[in-house]
Amino acid sequence: MNNDLTAVRGIKVGNAENMKAGTGCTVVLCKDNFTIGSEVRGAAPASREIALTSSEAVVSQANAVFLTGGSAFGLDAAGGIMKYLAEKNIGFRTAGGVVPIVPSAAIYDLEYKSNEKPDQKMAYQAAKNASNGPLTAKAVGAAAGAKCGKINGIKNASKTVLGHAAVKNGNLITAALAVVNAFGDIKNPEENKIIAGAKNDRGKFIDTENLMLNNNDLNLGFIRENTTLVVAATNAVLNKSEANRVSMMAHSGLSRTIYPVHTLLDGDTIFTLASNKIQADINQVGTAAAYVVQKAIINSVLQK
C-alpha cells in the first residue's frame, strides 16, 4: 500500500510547478465521483466552489480537488483542471454539457521567490501528470513555495514540502496530503519539540506560541499570508454530511502539530474525499483522518 492519498483506489495525484518562481499547484483526481466534504477553520481562506461541499448543497460528489499557490489569483488556474476533465467528458451532467466539480483552495506564496502565480496551463499540466504511483515528500506542486513560522518574516520561516501519510485498519484505508504554509511552528507531538518554524537571526527557533503568550504589546496587524491545506481520503462509505464531520475531526491533526493554529492569519482548510467502497464506523474514520493528517504534516518537515 502506498503511504499517500493513492492508497485509496480511484485517486490520482498530479503536480506542476515553476521552481524558479517558487510556486505551483496540485490536483487530486477522483475516478467515479467521490463524496466530498470540507471544513474551514482558518479565518483567511482563499477558495473556490467550497460552498458546494456544504451539507445543504445539491451536489454531493467531486471530480477533483485543486490546491494552488498564488493566493486568490491562483484560484483562476482551476479552469485548467476543468478543461482537462471536460475534454474527457467528466463532470456534472447538464443540458449544455458536463460541468466538472472542482473545489479549490490556495496558499499565499507571493513573497517566497516572486509574485508569479499558477495559471490554467500549469494546472492542466498537473492534471496530465496525475498518476496513482507512490508519492514522496518533496517541494513540488502547491508546496513549491510553502513555508511555516512567519511571525519573524518570510526570510526567517522554515521551508516545508508536500507531506503524505496513509494508514490501514482492517479493510479501512485513510490517507492525507498536506500543504503546510502555516503562520505557526510545527511540533512533533511525540517529543513536544519544534521541528520547523520561525527563527531568529542566528537560525534558532523562537517559539511562536510562547512569544505570543508572553508579549503584552503584540500587534500582528492584518497580515493574511498563511494557510495549511489538506486533502484527506478514505475508502469508507460516507454521505456528504459525514464527510464534513470527518473533515472537522481531521482538524485535530493540525491542532496536534501546529502552534498556534486556526488563527485570524491562516486559511486552514481540510477536504475529505470518500470512495464509498466499505462500511466503517464514522468515528473510526474521523479518528484515522486526524491521525494521518498529523502524520502528513510531520512528513512535510522530516522527509525532504
C-alpha atoms as a PDB file:
ATOM      1  CA  MET A   1       0.000   0.000   0.000  1.00  0.00           C
ATOM      2  CA  ASN A   2       1.316   3.440  -0.925  1.00  0.00           C
ATOM      3  CA  ASN A   3       1.883   5.773   2.034  1.00  0.00           C
ATOM      4  CA  ASP A   4      -0.109   8.612   0.476  1.00  0.00           C
ATOM      5  CA  LEU A   5      -3.526   9.518  -0.982  1.00  0.00           C
ATOM      6  CA  THR A   6      -3.146   6.988  -3.783  1.00  0.00           C
ATOM      7  CA  ALA A   7      -3.555   4.244  -1.160  1.00  0.00           C
ATOM      8  CA  VAL A   8      -7.276   4.879  -1.740  1.00  0.00           C
ATOM      9  CA  ARG A   9      -8.165   3.234  -5.031  1.00  0.00           C
ATOM     10  CA  GLY A  10      -9.563   5.618  -7.615  1.00  0.00           C
ATOM     11  CA  ILE A  11      -7.352   8.577  -6.663  1.00  0.00           C
ATOM     12  CA  LYS A  12      -4.597  10.069  -8.775  1.00  0.00           C
ATOM     13  CA  VAL A  13      -2.368  12.973  -7.700  1.00  0.00           C
ATOM     14  CA  GLY A  14      -0.623  15.350 -10.080  1.00  0.00           C
ATOM     15  CA  ASN A  15       1.783  18.238  -9.517  1.00  0.00           C
ATOM     16  CA  ALA A  16       3.186  21.031 -11.634  1.00  0.00           C
ATOM     17  CA  GLU A  17       5.404  23.891 -10.524  1.00  0.00           C
ATOM     18  CA  ASN A  18       7.777  26.665 -11.537  1.00  0.00           C
ATOM     19  CA  MET A  19      10.676  26.213  -9.127  1.00  0.00           C
ATOM     20  CA  LYS A  20      12.414  29.384 -10.294  1.00  0.00           C
ATOM     21  CA  ALA A  21       9.294  31.409  -9.467  1.00  0.00           C
ATOM     22  CA  GLY A  22       8.621  29.409  -6.290  1.00  0.00           C
ATOM     23  CA  THR A  23       5.004  28.463  -6.951  1.00  0.00           C
ATOM     24  CA  GLY A  24       2.956  25.530  -8.187  1.00  0.00           C
ATOM     25  CA  CYS A  25      -0.251  23.543  -7.963  1.00  0.00           C
ATOM     26  CA  THR A  26      -1.514  20.082  -7.029  1.00  0.00           C
ATOM     27  CA  VAL A  27      -4.589  18.225  -8.244  1.00  0.00           C
ATOM     28  CA  VAL A  28      -6.325  15.209  -6.746  1.00  0.00           C
ATOM     29  CA  LEU A  29      -8.367  13.457  -9.432  1.00  0.00           C
ATOM     30  CA  CYS A  30     -11.241  11.196  -8.326  1.00  0.00           C
ATOM     31  CA  LYS A  31     -12.471   8.350 -10.512  1.00  0.00           C
ATOM     32  CA  ASP A  32     -16.206   7.645 -10.396  1.00  0.00           C
ATOM     33  CA  ASN A  33     -17.109  10.737  -8.356  1.00  0.00           C
ATOM     34  CA  PHE A  34     -16.081  10.567  -4.702  1.00  0.00           C
ATOM     35  CA  THR A  35     -18.252  12.093  -1.970  1.00  0.00           C
ATOM     36  CA  ILE A  36     -16.810  15.485  -0.985  1.00  0.00           C
ATOM     37  CA  GLY A  37     -16.828  17.338   2.333  1.00  0.00           C
ATOM     38  CA  SER A  38     -14.760  20.118   3.870  1.00  0.00           C
ATOM     39  CA  GLU A  39     -14.148  22.204   6.942  1.00  0.00           C
ATOM     40  CA  VAL A  40     -12.580  25.676   7.045  1.00  0.00           C
ATOM     41  CA  ARG A  41     -11.181  26.712  10.434  1.00  0.00           C
ATOM     42  CA  GLY A  42      -8.770  29.452   9.465  1.00  0.00           C
ATOM     43  CA  ALA A  43     -10.188  32.963   9.232  1.00  0.00           C
ATOM     44  CA  ALA A  44      -8.475  33.984   5.978  1.00  0.00           C
ATOM     45  CA  PRO A  45      -9.145  31.310   3.347  1.00  0.00           C
ATOM     46  CA  ALA A  46      -8.834  31.664  -0.416  1.00  0.00           C
ATOM     47  CA  SER A  47     -11.198  29.168  -2.023  1.00  0.00           C
ATOM     48  CA  ARG A  48     -13.425  28.347  -4.980  1.00  0.00           C
ATOM     49  CA  GLU A  49     -16.575  26.173  -5.164  1.00  0.00           C
ATOM     50  CA  ILE A  50     -16.245  25.344  -1.476  1.00  0.00           C
ATOM     51  CA  ALA A  51     -19.929  26.191  -0.937  1.00  0.00           C
ATOM     52  CA  LEU A  52     -20.737  23.067  -2.922  1.00  0.00           C
ATOM     53  CA  THR A  53     -19.252  20.956  -0.118  1.00  0.00           C
ATOM     54  CA  SER A  54     -21.805  22.108   2.442  1.00  0.00           C
ATOM     55  CA  SER A  55     -24.342  19.511   3.551  1.00  0.00           C
ATOM     56  CA  GLU A  56     -27.202  21.621   2.134  1.00  0.00           C
ATOM     57  CA  ALA A  57     -25.763  21.921  -1.402  1.00  0.00           C
ATOM     58  CA  VAL A  58     -27.308  19.807  -4.148  1.00  0.00           C
ATOM     59  CA  VAL A  59     -24.003  18.393  -5.448  1.00  0.00           C
ATOM     60  CA  SER A  60     -22.575  15.662  -3.230  1.00  0.00           C
ATOM     61  CA  GLN A  61     -19.641  14.428  -5.294  1.00  0.00           C
ATOM     62  CA  ALA A  62     -16.465  15.908  -6.735  1.00  0.00           C
ATOM     63  CA  ASN A  63     -14.387  15.137  -9.798  1.00  0.00           C
ATOM     64  CA  ALA A  64     -11.223  16.683  -8.376  1.00  0.00           C
ATOM     65  CA  VAL A  65      -9.801  18.826  -5.597  1.00  0.00           C
ATOM     66  CA  PHE A  66      -7.321  21.530  -6.591  1.00  0.00           C
ATOM     67  CA  LEU A  67      -4.685  23.119  -4.342  1.00  0.00           C
ATOM     68  CA  THR A  68      -2.609  26.011  -5.610  1.00  0.00           C
ATOM     69  CA  GLY A  69      -0.142  28.743  -4.817  1.00  0.00           C
ATOM     70  CA  GLY A  70      -0.647  32.339  -5.927  1.00  0.00           C
ATOM     71  CA  SER A  71      -3.149  33.309  -3.233  1.00  0.00           C
ATOM     72  CA  ALA A  72      -6.598  34.183  -4.611  1.00  0.00           C
ATOM     73  CA  PHE A  73      -5.051  34.836  -8.039  1.00  0.00           C
ATOM     74  CA  GLY A  74      -4.091  31.160  -8.256  1.00  0.00           C
ATOM     75  CA  LEU A  75      -7.711  30.032  -7.976  1.00  0.00           C
ATOM     76  CA  ASP A  76      -8.246  31.025 -11.597  1.00  0.00           C
ATOM     77  CA  ALA A  77      -5.901  28.168 -12.543  1.00  0.00           C
ATOM     78  CA  ALA A  78      -8.648  25.697 -11.564  1.00  0.00           C
ATOM     79  CA  GLY A  79     -10.061  26.365 -15.032  1.00  0.00           C
ATOM     80  CA  GLY A  80      -7.217  24.253 -16.380  1.00  0.00           C
ATOM     81  CA  ILE A  81      -8.446  21.272 -14.367  1.00  0.00           C
ATOM     82  CA  MET A  82     -11.991  21.847 -15.599  1.00  0.00           C
ATOM     83  CA  LYS A  83     -10.735  21.967 -19.184  1.00  0.00           C
ATOM     84  CA  TYR A  84      -8.870  18.680 -18.719  1.00  0.00           C
ATOM     85  CA  LEU A  85     -11.900  16.936 -17.212  1.00  0.00           C
ATOM     86  CA  ALA A  86     -14.374  18.381 -19.727  1.00  0.00           C
ATOM     87  CA  GLU A  87     -12.233  17.042 -22.564  1.00  0.00           C
ATOM     88  CA  LYS A  88     -12.739  13.600 -21.045  1.00  0.00           C
ATOM     89  CA  ASN A  89     -16.481  14.206 -20.597  1.00  0.00           C
ATOM     90  CA  ILE A  90     -16.148  14.063 -16.805  1.00  0.00           C
ATOM     91  CA  GLY A  91     -18.357  16.267 -14.658  1.00  0.00           C
ATOM     92  CA  PHE A  92     -21.864  17.116 -13.511  1.00  0.00           C
ATOM     93  CA  ARG A  93     -24.140  16.472 -16.455  1.00  0.00           C
ATOM     94  CA  THR A  94     -26.301  19.345 -17.683  1.00  0.00           C
ATOM     95  CA  ALA A  95     -28.250  20.013 -20.885  1.00  0.00           C
ATOM     96  CA  GLY A  96     -25.330  22.147 -22.029  1.00  0.00           C
ATOM     97  CA  GLY A  97     -22.674  19.511 -21.363  1.00  0.00           C
ATOM     98  CA  VAL A  98     -20.652  18.388 -18.377  1.00  0.00           C
ATOM     99  CA  VAL A  99     -19.545  20.831 -15.674  1.00  0.00           C
ATOM    100  CA  PRO A 100     -16.599  19.423 -13.679  1.00  0.00           C
ATOM    101  CA  ILE A 101     -16.897  19.856  -9.908  1.00  0.00           C
ATOM    102  CA  VAL A 102     -13.504  21.047  -8.649  1.00  0.00           C
ATOM    103  CA  PRO A 103     -13.450  22.576  -5.130  1.00  0.00           C
ATOM    104  CA  SER A 104     -10.221  24.527  -4.771  1.00  0.00           C
ATOM    105  CA  ALA A 105      -8.116  26.367  -2.215  1.00  0.00           C
ATOM    106  CA  ALA A 106      -4.954  28.448  -2.367  1.00  0.00           C
ATOM    107  CA  ILE A 107      -1.957  29.327  -0.232  1.00  0.00           C
ATOM    108  CA  TYR A 108      -0.135  32.653  -0.196  1.00  0.00           C
ATOM    109  CA  ASP A 109       3.361  32.185  -1.656  1.00  0.00           C
ATOM    110  CA  LEU A 110       3.789  35.521  -3.432  1.00  0.00           C
ATOM    111  CA  GLU A 111       6.776  36.544  -1.300  1.00  0.00           C
ATOM    112  CA  TYR A 112       8.711  33.265  -1.390  1.00  0.00           C
ATOM    113  CA  LYS A 113      10.662  33.885  -4.611  1.00  0.00           C
ATOM    114  CA  SER A 114       8.403  36.002  -6.801  1.00  0.00           C
ATOM    115  CA  ASN A 115       4.828  37.164  -7.175  1.00  0.00           C
ATOM    116  CA  GLU A 116       4.125  34.858 -10.111  1.00  0.00           C
ATOM    117  CA  LYS A 117       1.016  32.695  -9.921  1.00  0.00           C
ATOM    118  CA  PRO A 118       0.000  29.309 -11.290  1.00  0.00           C
ATOM    119  CA  ASP A 119      -2.147  29.623 -14.422  1.00  0.00           C
ATOM    120  CA  GLN A 120      -4.557  27.335 -16.223  1.00  0.00           C
ATOM    121  CA  LYS A 121      -1.761  25.951 -18.408  1.00  0.00           C
ATOM    122  CA  MET A 122       0.166  24.838 -15.312  1.00  0.00           C
ATOM    123  CA  ALA A 123      -2.954  23.306 -13.752  1.00  0.00           C
ATOM    124  CA  TYR A 124      -3.746  21.437 -16.966  1.00  0.00           C
ATOM    125  CA  GLN A 125      -0.212  20.025 -16.899  1.00  0.00           C
ATOM    126  CA  ALA A 126      -0.685  18.951 -13.269  1.00  0.00           C
ATOM    127  CA  ALA A 127      -3.774  17.002 -14.347  1.00  0.00           C
ATOM    128  CA  LYS A 128      -1.829  15.389 -17.205  1.00  0.00           C
ATOM    129  CA  ASN A 129       0.902  14.459 -14.704  1.00  0.00           C
ATOM    130  CA  ALA A 130      -1.550  12.776 -12.323  1.00  0.00           C
ATOM    131  CA  SER A 131      -0.923   9.127 -11.500  1.00  0.00           C
ATOM    132  CA  ASN A 132      -1.605   6.554  -8.808  1.00  0.00           C
ATOM    133  CA  GLY A 133       2.090   5.858  -8.279  1.00  0.00           C
ATOM    134  CA  PRO A 134       3.731   6.289  -4.851  1.00  0.00           C
ATOM    135  CA  LEU A 135       4.479   9.845  -3.743  1.00  0.00           C
ATOM    136  CA  THR A 136       7.423  11.170  -1.757  1.00  0.00           C
ATOM    137  CA  ALA A 137       7.734  14.320   0.334  1.00  0.00           C
ATOM    138  CA  LYS A 138       9.197  16.970  -1.980  1.00  0.00           C
ATOM    139  CA  ALA A 139       8.846  20.707  -2.553  1.00  0.00           C
ATOM    140  CA  VAL A 140       6.557  20.233  -5.547  1.00  0.00           C
ATOM    141  CA  GLY A 141       3.111  21.319  -6.640  1.00  0.00           C
ATOM    142  CA  ALA A 142       1.227  23.597  -4.284  1.00  0.00           C
ATOM    143  CA  ALA A 143       4.030  23.188  -1.720  1.00  0.00           C
ATOM    144  CA  ALA A 144       6.702  24.635  -4.036  1.00  0.00           C
ATOM    145  CA  GLY A 145       6.523  27.976  -2.211  1.00  0.00           C
ATOM    146  CA  ALA A 146       5.255  26.827   1.200  1.00  0.00           C
ATOM    147  CA  LYS A 147       6.953  27.826   4.477  1.00  0.00           C
ATOM    148  CA  CYS A 148       5.900  27.796   8.131  1.00  0.00           C
ATOM    149  CA  GLY A 149       6.613  30.041  11.109  1.00  0.00           C
ATOM    150  CA  LYS A 150       6.023  33.526   9.713  1.00  0.00           C
ATOM    151  CA  ILE A 151       5.983  35.749  12.803  1.00  0.00           C
ATOM    152  CA  ASN A 152       9.568  36.865  12.212  1.00  0.00           C
ATOM    153  CA  GLY A 153       9.169  37.367   8.473  1.00  0.00           C
ATOM    154  CA  ILE A 154       9.337  35.100   5.438  1.00  0.00           C
ATOM    155  CA  LYS A 155      13.147  35.029   5.421  1.00  0.00           C
ATOM    156  CA  ASN A 156      13.185  33.563   8.935  1.00  0.00           C
ATOM    157  CA  ALA A 157      10.475  30.979   8.225  1.00  0.00           C
ATOM    158  CA  SER A 158      11.148  27.259   7.591  1.00  0.00           C
ATOM    159  CA  LYS A 159      10.630  25.574   4.221  1.00  0.00           C
ATOM    160  CA  THR A 160       8.096  22.744   4.063  1.00  0.00           C
ATOM    161  CA  VAL A 161       7.323  20.166   1.382  1.00  0.00           C
ATOM    162  CA  LEU A 162       4.262  18.254   0.190  1.00  0.00           C
ATOM    163  CA  GLY A 163       3.503  15.871   3.063  1.00  0.00           C
ATOM    164  CA  HIS A 164       1.890  12.425   2.803  1.00  0.00           C
ATOM    165  CA  ALA A 165       0.578   9.665   5.068  1.00  0.00           C
ATOM    166  CA  ALA A 166      -1.761   6.672   4.967  1.00  0.00           C
ATOM    167  CA  VAL A 167      -2.996   4.039   7.424  1.00  0.00           C
ATOM    168  CA  LYS A 168      -4.877   0.746   7.051  1.00  0.00           C
ATOM    169  CA  ASN A 169      -7.196  -0.534   9.796  1.00  0.00           C
ATOM    170  CA  GLY A 170      -8.569  -3.866   8.625  1.00  0.00           C
ATOM    171  CA  ASN A 171     -10.270  -3.024   5.321  1.00  0.00           C
ATOM    172  CA  LEU A 172     -10.475   0.696   6.123  1.00  0.00           C
ATOM    173  CA  ILE A 173      -7.906   2.891   4.370  1.00  0.00           C
ATOM    174  CA  THR A 174      -7.426   6.545   5.299  1.00  0.00           C
ATOM    175  CA  ALA A 175      -4.832   8.882   3.818  1.00  0.00           C
ATOM    176  CA  ALA A 176      -3.842  12.553   3.702  1.00  0.00           C
ATOM    177  CA  LEU A 177      -1.876  15.076   1.672  1.00  0.00           C
ATOM    178  CA  ALA A 178      -0.759  18.333   3.330  1.00  0.00           C
ATOM    179  CA  VAL A 179       0.471  21.719   2.104  1.00  0.00           C
ATOM    180  CA  VAL A 180       1.806  23.458   5.211  1.00  0.00           C
ATOM    181  CA  ASN A 181       2.141  27.222   4.806  1.00  0.00           C
ATOM    182  CA  ALA A 182       1.251  27.969   8.412  1.00  0.00           C
ATOM    183  CA  PHE A 183       1.747  31.101  10.478  1.00  0.00           C
ATOM    184  CA  GLY A 184       2.673  28.901  13.434  1.00  0.00           C
ATOM    185  CA  ASP A 185       5.501  26.483  14.165  1.00  0.00           C
ATOM    186  CA  ILE A 186       5.339  22.715  13.679  1.00  0.00           C
ATOM    187  CA  LYS A 187       5.937  20.462  16.679  1.00  0.00           C
ATOM    188  CA  ASN A 188       6.433  16.714  16.785  1.00  0.00           C
ATOM    189  CA  PRO A 189       3.745  15.705  19.314  1.00  0.00           C
ATOM    190  CA  GLU A 190       5.708  12.628  20.344  1.00  0.00           C
ATOM    191  CA  GLU A 191       8.549  14.830  21.589  1.00  0.00           C
ATOM    192  CA  ASN A 192       6.694  18.145  22.092  1.00  0.00           C
ATOM    193  CA  LYS A 193       9.587  19.714  20.225  1.00  0.00           C
ATOM    194  CA  ILE A 194       9.585  22.363  17.471  1.00  0.00           C
ATOM    195  CA  ILE A 195      10.873  20.814  14.255  1.00  0.00           C
ATOM    196  CA  ALA A 196      10.133  23.718  11.879  1.00  0.00           C
ATOM    197  CA  GLY A 197       9.031  27.308  12.310  1.00  0.00           C
ATOM    198  CA  ALA A 198      10.062  30.874  12.956  1.00  0.00           C
ATOM    199  CA  LYS A 199      13.739  31.511  13.621  1.00  0.00           C
ATOM    200  CA  ASN A 200      15.842  34.382  14.902  1.00  0.00           C
ATOM    201  CA  ASP A 201      18.771  35.871  13.002  1.00  0.00           C
ATOM    202  CA  ARG A 202      21.029  33.123  14.399  1.00  0.00           C
ATOM    203  CA  GLY A 203      18.803  30.384  12.947  1.00  0.00           C
ATOM    204  CA  LYS A 204      17.340  29.280  16.298  1.00  0.00           C
ATOM    205  CA  PHE A 205      13.606  28.612  16.752  1.00  0.00           C
ATOM    206  CA  ILE A 206      11.986  31.474  18.651  1.00  0.00           C
ATOM    207  CA  ASP A 207       8.807  29.547  19.721  1.00  0.00           C
ATOM    208  CA  THR A 208       5.918  31.499  18.209  1.00  0.00           C
ATOM    209  CA  GLU A 209       3.332  30.345  20.732  1.00  0.00           C
ATOM    210  CA  ASN A 210       5.482  31.291  23.704  1.00  0.00           C
ATOM    211  CA  LEU A 211       6.242  34.683  22.143  1.00  0.00           C
ATOM    212  CA  MET A 212       2.546  35.392  21.655  1.00  0.00           C
ATOM    213  CA  LEU A 213       1.623  34.306  25.177  1.00  0.00           C
ATOM    214  CA  ASN A 214       4.264  36.498  26.781  1.00  0.00           C
ATOM    215  CA  ASN A 215       4.166  39.672  24.691  1.00  0.00           C
ATOM    216  CA  ASN A 216       1.700  42.175  26.127  1.00  0.00           C
ATOM    217  CA  ASP A 217       2.275  44.594  23.229  1.00  0.00           C
ATOM    218  CA  LEU A 218       1.799  42.107  20.398  1.00  0.00           C
ATOM    219  CA  ASN A 219       0.101  43.536  17.304  1.00  0.00           C
ATOM    220  CA  LEU A 220       0.099  41.283  14.252  1.00  0.00           C
ATOM    221  CA  GLY A 221      -1.957  43.702  12.170  1.00  0.00           C
ATOM    222  CA  PHE A 222      -3.763  42.454   9.114  1.00  0.00           C
ATOM    223  CA  ILE A 223      -1.239  40.005   7.688  1.00  0.00           C
ATOM    224  CA  ARG A 224      -3.116  37.248   5.828  1.00  0.00           C
ATOM    225  CA  GLU A 225      -0.255  35.271   4.333  1.00  0.00           C
ATOM    226  CA  ASN A 226      -0.625  31.777   5.796  1.00  0.00           C
ATOM    227  CA  THR A 227      -2.663  28.634   5.283  1.00  0.00           C
ATOM    228  CA  THR A 228      -2.486  24.876   5.767  1.00  0.00           C
ATOM    229  CA  LEU A 229      -4.375  22.914   3.122  1.00  0.00           C
ATOM    230  CA  VAL A 230      -5.164  19.210   3.469  1.00  0.00           C
ATOM    231  CA  VAL A 231      -6.916  16.610   1.370  1.00  0.00           C
ATOM    232  CA  ALA A 232      -7.950  13.538   3.349  1.00  0.00           C
ATOM    233  CA  ALA A 233      -9.319  10.454   1.620  1.00  0.00           C
ATOM    234  CA  THR A 234     -10.918   7.180   2.653  1.00  0.00           C
ATOM    235  CA  ASN A 235     -12.484   4.110   1.075  1.00  0.00           C
ATOM    236  CA  ALA A 236     -15.339   4.247   3.606  1.00  0.00           C
ATOM    237  CA  VAL A 237     -18.951   4.872   2.651  1.00  0.00           C
ATOM    238  CA  LEU A 238     -19.781   8.461   3.629  1.00  0.00           C
ATOM    239  CA  ASN A 239     -22.589  10.802   2.706  1.00  0.00           C
ATOM    240  CA  LYS A 240     -21.737  14.483   2.434  1.00  0.00           C
ATOM    241  CA  SER A 241     -22.767  15.319   5.994  1.00  0.00           C
ATOM    242  CA  GLU A 242     -20.496  12.538   7.250  1.00  0.00           C
ATOM    243  CA  ALA A 243     -17.643  13.698   5.013  1.00  0.00           C
ATOM    244  CA  ASN A 244     -17.989  17.149   6.541  1.00  0.00           C
ATOM    245  CA  ARG A 245     -17.882  15.626  10.030  1.00  0.00           C
ATOM    246  CA  VAL A 246     -14.713  13.695   9.164  1.00  0.00           C
ATOM    247  CA  SER A 247     -13.181  16.959   7.917  1.00  0.00           C
ATOM    248  CA  MET A 248     -13.970  18.548  11.269  1.00  0.00           C
ATOM    249  CA  MET A 249     -12.427  15.671  13.182  1.00  0.00           C
ATOM    250  CA  ALA A 250      -9.371  15.698  10.907  1.00  0.00           C
ATOM    251  CA  HIS A 251      -8.552  19.251  12.013  1.00  0.00           C
ATOM    252  CA  SER A 252      -7.369  17.688  15.279  1.00  0.00           C
ATOM    253  CA  GLY A 253      -4.302  16.660  13.285  1.00  0.00           C
ATOM    254  CA  LEU A 254      -3.493  20.339  12.777  1.00  0.00           C
ATOM    255  CA  SER A 255      -4.095  21.107  16.451  1.00  0.00           C
ATOM    256  CA  ARG A 256      -1.602  18.410  17.475  1.00  0.00           C
ATOM    257  CA  THR A 257       1.183  19.727  15.259  1.00  0.00           C
ATOM    258  CA  ILE A 258       0.834  23.469  14.501  1.00  0.00           C
ATOM    259  CA  TYR A 259       1.280  26.122  17.233  1.00  0.00           C
ATOM    260  CA  PRO A 260      -0.708  28.346  17.079  1.00  0.00           C
ATOM    261  CA  VAL A 261      -3.311  27.077  14.624  1.00  0.00           C
ATOM    262  CA  HIS A 262      -6.664  28.278  13.176  1.00  0.00           C
ATOM    263  CA  THR A 263      -5.715  31.916  13.698  1.00  0.00           C
ATOM    264  CA  LEU A 264      -7.101  35.027  12.035  1.00  0.00           C
ATOM    265  CA  LEU A 265      -3.902  34.937   9.976  1.00  0.00           C
ATOM    266  CA  ASP A 266      -4.499  31.462   8.479  1.00  0.00           C
ATOM    267  CA  GLY A 267      -6.946  29.941   5.999  1.00  0.00           C
ATOM    268  CA  ASP A 268      -6.748  26.359   7.285  1.00  0.00           C
ATOM    269  CA  THR A 269      -8.933  24.092   5.142  1.00  0.00           C
ATOM    270  CA  ILE A 270      -9.436  20.324   5.015  1.00  0.00           C
ATOM    271  CA  PHE A 271     -11.228  18.496   2.207  1.00  0.00           C
ATOM    272  CA  THR A 272     -12.417  14.913   2.681  1.00  0.00           C
ATOM    273  CA  LEU A 273     -12.975  12.520  -0.227  1.00  0.00           C
ATOM    274  CA  ALA A 274     -14.738   9.154   0.207  1.00  0.00           C
ATOM    275  CA  SER A 275     -14.745   6.411  -2.431  1.00  0.00           C
ATOM    276  CA  ASN A 276     -17.717   4.624  -0.789  1.00  0.00           C
ATOM    277  CA  LYS A 277     -16.343   1.089  -1.044  1.00  0.00           C
ATOM    278  CA  ILE A 278     -16.597  -0.323   2.500  1.00  0.00           C
ATOM    279  CA  GLN A 279     -18.781   0.177   5.557  1.00  0.00           C
ATOM    280  CA  ALA A 280     -16.973   1.714   8.532  1.00  0.00           C
ATOM    281  CA  ASP A 281     -17.846   3.481  11.764  1.00  0.00           C
ATOM    282  CA  ILE A 282     -17.644   7.231  11.143  1.00  0.00           C
ATOM    283  CA  ASN A 283     -15.939   7.740  14.498  1.00  0.00           C
ATOM    284  CA  GLN A 284     -13.175   5.395  13.419  1.00  0.00           C
ATOM    285  CA  VAL A 285     -12.871   7.152  10.055  1.00  0.00           C
ATOM    286  CA  GLY A 286     -12.613  10.568  11.706  1.00  0.00           C
ATOM    287  CA  THR A 287     -10.055   9.335  14.225  1.00  0.00           C
ATOM    288  CA  ALA A 288      -7.977   7.802  11.454  1.00  0.00           C
ATOM    289  CA  ALA A 289      -8.252  11.030   9.435  1.00  0.00           C
ATOM    290  CA  ALA A 290      -6.890  13.088  12.325  1.00  0.00           C
ATOM    291  CA  TYR A 291      -4.046  10.594  12.683  1.00  0.00           C
ATOM    292  CA  VAL A 292      -2.974  10.701   9.019  1.00  0.00           C
ATOM    293  CA  VAL A 293      -3.286  14.494   8.894  1.00  0.00           C
ATOM    294  CA  GLN A 294      -0.930  14.685  11.872  1.00  0.00           C
ATOM    295  CA  LYS A 295       1.484  12.302  10.139  1.00  0.00           C
ATOM    296  CA  ALA A 296       1.302  14.177   6.811  1.00  0.00           C
ATOM    297  CA  ILE A 297       2.145  17.478   8.490  1.00  0.00           C
ATOM    298  CA  ILE A 298       5.152  15.927  10.244  1.00  0.00           C
ATOM    299  CA  ASN A 299       6.133  14.327   6.921  1.00  0.00           C
ATOM    300  CA  SER A 300       6.151  17.798   5.327  1.00  0.00           C
ATOM    301  CA  VAL A 301       9.128  18.638   7.531  1.00  0.00           C
ATOM    302  CA  LEU A 302      11.140  15.493   8.245  1.00  0.00           C
ATOM    303  CA  GLN A 303      11.484  13.918   4.802  1.00  0.00           C
ATOM    304  CA  LYS A 304      12.834  16.438   2.329  1.00  0.00           C
END
